[in-house]
C-alpha atoms as a PDB file:
ATOM      1  CA  MET A   1       4.888 -68.503  48.000  1.00  0.00           C
ATOM      2  CA  ALA A   2       2.468 -70.022  49.993  1.00  0.00           C
ATOM      3  CA  LYS A   3       1.374 -73.935  49.066  1.00  0.00           C
ATOM      4  CA  ILE A   4      -1.167 -76.401  50.288  1.00  0.00           C
ATOM      5  CA  ARG A   5      -0.200 -80.199  49.771  1.00  0.00           C
ATOM      6  CA  GLU A   6      -1.518 -83.437  51.465  1.00  0.00           C
ATOM      7  CA  ILE A   7       0.889 -84.395  54.216  1.00  0.00           C
ATOM      8  CA  ARG A   8       3.606 -86.885  54.002  1.00  0.00           C
ATOM      9  CA  GLU A   9       4.952 -89.297  56.268  1.00  0.00           C
ATOM     10  CA  GLU A  10       8.237 -86.915  56.690  1.00  0.00           C
ATOM     11  CA  ASP A  11       6.219 -83.800  57.726  1.00  0.00           C
ATOM     12  CA  LEU A  12       5.171 -85.371  60.608  1.00  0.00           C
ATOM     13  CA  ASN A  13       7.737 -84.165  63.236  1.00  0.00           C
ATOM     14  CA  GLU A  14       6.929 -80.495  61.980  1.00  0.00           C
ATOM     15  CA  VAL A  15       3.022 -80.770  62.195  1.00  0.00           C
ATOM     16  CA  TYR A  16       3.586 -82.811  65.740  1.00  0.00           C
ATOM     17  CA  GLU A  17       5.519 -79.913  66.794  1.00  0.00           C
ATOM     18  CA  ILE A  18       2.980 -77.361  65.537  1.00  0.00           C
ATOM     19  CA  GLU A  19       0.440 -79.177  67.457  1.00  0.00           C
ATOM     20  CA  ARG A  20       2.127 -78.967  70.820  1.00  0.00           C
ATOM     21  CA  LEU A  21       2.895 -75.390  70.099  1.00  0.00           C
ATOM     22  CA  SER A  22      -0.639 -74.876  69.505  1.00  0.00           C
ATOM     23  CA  PHE A  23      -2.751 -76.747  71.856  1.00  0.00           C
ATOM     24  CA  ARG A  24      -2.640 -77.302  75.785  1.00  0.00           C
ATOM     25  CA  GLU A  25      -3.947 -81.201  75.154  1.00  0.00           C
ATOM     26  CA  PRO A  26      -2.131 -81.974  72.005  1.00  0.00           C
ATOM     27  CA  TYR A  27      -2.362 -84.759  70.361  1.00  0.00           C
ATOM     28  CA  PRO A  28       0.424 -87.661  70.380  1.00  0.00           C
ATOM     29  CA  LYS A  29       2.090 -88.192  67.327  1.00  0.00           C
ATOM     30  CA  THR A  30       1.081 -91.614  66.840  1.00  0.00           C
ATOM     31  CA  LEU A  31      -2.227 -89.989  66.460  1.00  0.00           C
ATOM     32  CA  LEU A  32      -1.392 -87.936  63.558  1.00  0.00           C
ATOM     33  CA  LEU A  33       0.298 -90.780  61.378  1.00  0.00           C
ATOM     34  CA  ILE A  34      -3.018 -92.506  61.677  1.00  0.00           C
ATOM     35  CA  TYR A  35      -5.161 -89.605  60.572  1.00  0.00           C
ATOM     36  CA  SER A  36      -1.944 -88.883  58.154  1.00  0.00           C
ATOM     37  CA  LYS A  37      -2.858 -92.700  56.921  1.00  0.00           C
ATOM     38  CA  ILE A  38      -6.678 -92.901  57.076  1.00  0.00           C
ATOM     39  CA  CYS A  39      -7.359 -89.121  56.241  1.00  0.00           C
ATOM     40  CA  ARG A  40      -4.814 -89.029  53.437  1.00  0.00           C
ATOM     41  CA  GLU A  41      -6.725 -86.367  50.936  1.00  0.00           C
ATOM     42  CA  THR A  42      -7.734 -84.302  53.560  1.00  0.00           C
ATOM     43  CA  PHE A  43      -4.567 -83.981  55.517  1.00  0.00           C
ATOM     44  CA  LEU A  44      -3.532 -81.056  54.562  1.00  0.00           C
ATOM     45  CA  VAL A  45      -0.053 -78.842  55.347  1.00  0.00           C
ATOM     46  CA  VAL A  46       0.573 -75.581  54.104  1.00  0.00           C
ATOM     47  CA  GLU A  47       4.560 -74.372  53.064  1.00  0.00           C
ATOM     48  CA  ASN A  48       6.713 -71.324  52.290  1.00  0.00           C
ATOM     49  CA  GLY A  49       8.206 -71.565  49.051  1.00  0.00           C
ATOM     50  CA  SER A  50      11.290 -73.145  51.125  1.00  0.00           C
ATOM     51  CA  GLY A  51       8.916 -76.103  52.135  1.00  0.00           C
ATOM     52  CA  LYS A  52       9.082 -75.208  56.173  1.00  0.00           C
ATOM     53  CA  ILE A  53       5.328 -76.250  57.332  1.00  0.00           C
ATOM     54  CA  LYS A  54       3.487 -72.778  58.344  1.00  0.00           C
ATOM     55  CA  GLY A  55       0.177 -74.772  59.508  1.00  0.00           C
ATOM     56  CA  TYR A  56      -1.883 -77.887  58.844  1.00  0.00           C
ATOM     57  CA  ILE A  57      -5.720 -79.409  59.400  1.00  0.00           C
ATOM     58  CA  ILE A  58      -7.020 -82.740  59.768  1.00  0.00           C
ATOM     59  CA  GLY A  59     -10.684 -83.603  57.734  1.00  0.00           C
ATOM     60  CA  LEU A  60     -12.354 -86.589  57.933  1.00  0.00           C
ATOM     61  CA  ILE A  61     -15.249 -87.641  55.809  1.00  0.00           C
ATOM     62  CA  LYS A  62     -18.209 -89.670  58.042  1.00  0.00           C
ATOM     63  CA  TRP A  63     -21.021 -91.748  56.075  1.00  0.00           C
ATOM     64  CA  ASN A  64     -20.388 -90.043  52.924  1.00  0.00           C
ATOM     65  CA  ILE A  65     -21.781 -86.661  53.662  1.00  0.00           C
ATOM     66  CA  LEU A  66     -20.113 -85.447  57.099  1.00  0.00           C
ATOM     67  CA  GLY A  67     -17.332 -83.706  57.363  1.00  0.00           C
ATOM     68  CA  HIS A  68     -15.412 -83.372  60.403  1.00  0.00           C
ATOM     69  CA  ILE A  69     -12.701 -80.607  60.670  1.00  0.00           C
ATOM     70  CA  ILE A  70     -10.414 -82.563  63.534  1.00  0.00           C
ATOM     71  CA  SER A  71      -7.649 -80.323  63.738  1.00  0.00           C
ATOM     72  CA  LEU A  72      -6.656 -76.883  62.745  1.00  0.00           C
ATOM     73  CA  ALA A  73      -2.908 -75.118  63.893  1.00  0.00           C
ATOM     74  CA  ILE A  74      -0.701 -72.641  62.262  1.00  0.00           C
ATOM     75  CA  HIS A  75       2.664 -72.054  64.058  1.00  0.00           C
ATOM     76  CA  PRO A  76       2.486 -69.331  66.323  1.00  0.00           C
ATOM     77  CA  GLU A  77       4.906 -67.273  64.255  1.00  0.00           C
ATOM     78  CA  HIS A  78       3.102 -67.652  61.791  1.00  0.00           C
ATOM     79  CA  ARG A  79      -0.561 -66.886  62.478  1.00  0.00           C
ATOM     80  CA  ARG A  80      -2.718 -63.711  61.350  1.00  0.00           C
ATOM     81  CA  LYS A  81      -1.142 -64.085  58.161  1.00  0.00           C
ATOM     82  CA  GLY A  82      -4.258 -66.024  55.815  1.00  0.00           C
ATOM     83  CA  TYR A  83      -3.045 -69.983  56.847  1.00  0.00           C
ATOM     84  CA  ALA A  84      -5.423 -70.961  58.283  1.00  0.00           C
ATOM     85  CA  LYS A  85      -8.263 -69.375  55.863  1.00  0.00           C
ATOM     86  CA  MET A  86      -6.218 -70.774  52.484  1.00  0.00           C
ATOM     87  CA  LEU A  87      -6.551 -74.385  54.313  1.00  0.00           C
ATOM     88  CA  ILE A  88     -10.283 -74.204  55.874  1.00  0.00           C
ATOM     89  CA  ARG A  89     -10.785 -73.066  51.851  1.00  0.00           C
ATOM     90  CA  GLU A  90      -9.164 -76.130  50.286  1.00  0.00           C
ATOM     91  CA  LEU A  91     -10.649 -78.801  52.862  1.00  0.00           C
ATOM     92  CA  LEU A  92     -14.075 -77.646  52.198  1.00  0.00           C
ATOM     93  CA  ARG A  93     -13.256 -77.915  48.248  1.00  0.00           C
ATOM     94  CA  ARG A  94     -12.366 -81.236  48.726  1.00  0.00           C
ATOM     95  CA  PHE A  95     -15.044 -81.969  51.120  1.00  0.00           C
ATOM     96  CA  LYS A  96     -17.366 -80.881  48.306  1.00  0.00           C
ATOM     97  CA  VAL A  97     -15.931 -82.572  45.527  1.00  0.00           C
ATOM     98  CA  ASN A  98     -16.011 -86.084  47.773  1.00  0.00           C
ATOM     99  CA  GLY A  99     -20.066 -85.173  48.311  1.00  0.00           C
ATOM    100  CA  VAL A 100     -20.011 -83.778  51.707  1.00  0.00           C
ATOM    101  CA  LYS A 101     -22.843 -81.553  52.580  1.00  0.00           C
ATOM    102  CA  VAL A 102     -22.297 -80.648  56.390  1.00  0.00           C
ATOM    103  CA  VAL A 103     -19.266 -79.612  57.765  1.00  0.00           C
ATOM    104  CA  ARG A 104     -18.628 -79.560  61.556  1.00  0.00           C
ATOM    105  CA  LEU A 105     -16.221 -79.180  64.407  1.00  0.00           C
ATOM    106  CA  GLU A 106     -15.729 -78.684  68.030  1.00  0.00           C
ATOM    107  CA  VAL A 107     -13.667 -75.308  69.503  1.00  0.00           C
ATOM    108  CA  ARG A 108     -12.785 -74.626  73.130  1.00  0.00           C
ATOM    109  CA  VAL A 109     -15.373 -71.579  74.339  1.00  0.00           C
ATOM    110  CA  SER A 110     -12.247 -69.255  75.583  1.00  0.00           C
ATOM    111  CA  ASN A 111     -11.230 -69.731  71.995  1.00  0.00           C
ATOM    112  CA  ARG A 112     -12.249 -66.297  70.617  1.00  0.00           C
ATOM    113  CA  PRO A 113      -9.695 -66.011  67.763  1.00  0.00           C
ATOM    114  CA  ALA A 114     -10.448 -69.539  66.417  1.00  0.00           C
ATOM    115  CA  ILE A 115     -14.616 -68.925  66.995  1.00  0.00           C
ATOM    116  CA  ASN A 116     -14.005 -65.624  65.129  1.00  0.00           C
ATOM    117  CA  LEU A 117     -12.194 -67.132  62.235  1.00  0.00           C
ATOM    118  CA  TYR A 118     -15.074 -70.637  61.666  1.00  0.00           C
ATOM    119  CA  SER A 119     -17.878 -67.704  61.913  1.00  0.00           C
ATOM    120  CA  LYS A 120     -16.267 -65.421  59.227  1.00  0.00           C
ATOM    121  CA  MET A 121     -16.041 -68.330  57.126  1.00  0.00           C
ATOM    122  CA  GLY A 122     -19.658 -69.318  57.486  1.00  0.00           C
ATOM    123  CA  PHE A 123     -19.817 -71.473  60.505  1.00  0.00           C
ATOM    124  CA  LYS A 124     -22.590 -71.031  63.064  1.00  0.00           C
ATOM    125  CA  ILE A 125     -22.667 -72.321  66.662  1.00  0.00           C
ATOM    126  CA  ALA A 126     -25.195 -75.185  66.846  1.00  0.00           C
ATOM    127  CA  TYR A 127     -24.797 -76.306  70.619  1.00  0.00           C
ATOM    128  CA  THR A 128     -22.227 -76.713  73.323  1.00  0.00           C
ATOM    129  CA  LEU A 129     -20.701 -80.175  74.583  1.00  0.00           C
ATOM    130  CA  LYS A 130     -20.185 -79.635  78.645  1.00  0.00           C
ATOM    131  CA  ASN A 131     -16.710 -80.832  79.603  1.00  0.00           C
ATOM    132  CA  PHE A 132     -15.535 -81.632  76.204  1.00  0.00           C
ATOM    133  CA  TYR A 133     -11.784 -80.876  77.196  1.00  0.00           C
ATOM    134  CA  LEU A 134      -9.827 -83.106  79.611  1.00  0.00           C
ATOM    135  CA  ASP A 135      -9.222 -80.275  81.789  1.00  0.00           C
ATOM    136  CA  GLY A 136     -13.095 -79.470  81.684  1.00  0.00           C
ATOM    137  CA  GLU A 137     -13.955 -76.860  79.429  1.00  0.00           C
ATOM    138  CA  ASP A 138     -16.887 -76.585  77.331  1.00  0.00           C
ATOM    139  CA  ALA A 139     -16.603 -76.643  73.601  1.00  0.00           C
ATOM    140  CA  TYR A 140     -19.109 -75.085  70.769  1.00  0.00           C
ATOM    141  CA  VAL A 141     -19.933 -77.899  67.881  1.00  0.00           C
ATOM    142  CA  MET A 142     -20.200 -75.514  64.657  1.00  0.00           C
ATOM    143  CA  TYR A 143     -21.372 -75.951  61.288  1.00  0.00           C
ATOM    144  CA  LYS A 144     -21.127 -75.312  57.774  1.00  0.00           C
ATOM    145  CA  VAL A 145     -23.671 -76.391  55.140  1.00  0.00           C
ATOM    146  CA  LEU A 146     -21.928 -76.762  52.038  1.00  0.00           C
ATOM    147  CA  ASP A 147     -24.306 -75.181  48.739  1.00  0.00           C
END
């Protein structure tokens, strides 16, 4: 049975491994550590019954009303099992409890699986950020209004 909880410092190695396996430009472990400190209630992991982390999501609240999904990744061996949806739902719930009105994120224009997932979860494409990633790829900014 999968369980979502807040990140703990001892999770960082597993989270960094998922980050490294998931992204062409992974965040450094030191940045993940910083996010674990400043986003304590909105840096979430999903684990199975044995305690093995399957994925994570990092959310940041800005100006008390804007939620920003910084990163979402599921270990490649555990994708398409509903873990990402579980993490998004829980993060959105926590955002709402904390007064967030709008949630935004950036996603590579080539990342069709992520774009499809976010669209199914009610996110809409707002605009394109040109050359957003280090390799020059554009990003879509997507948003969702919380009701």
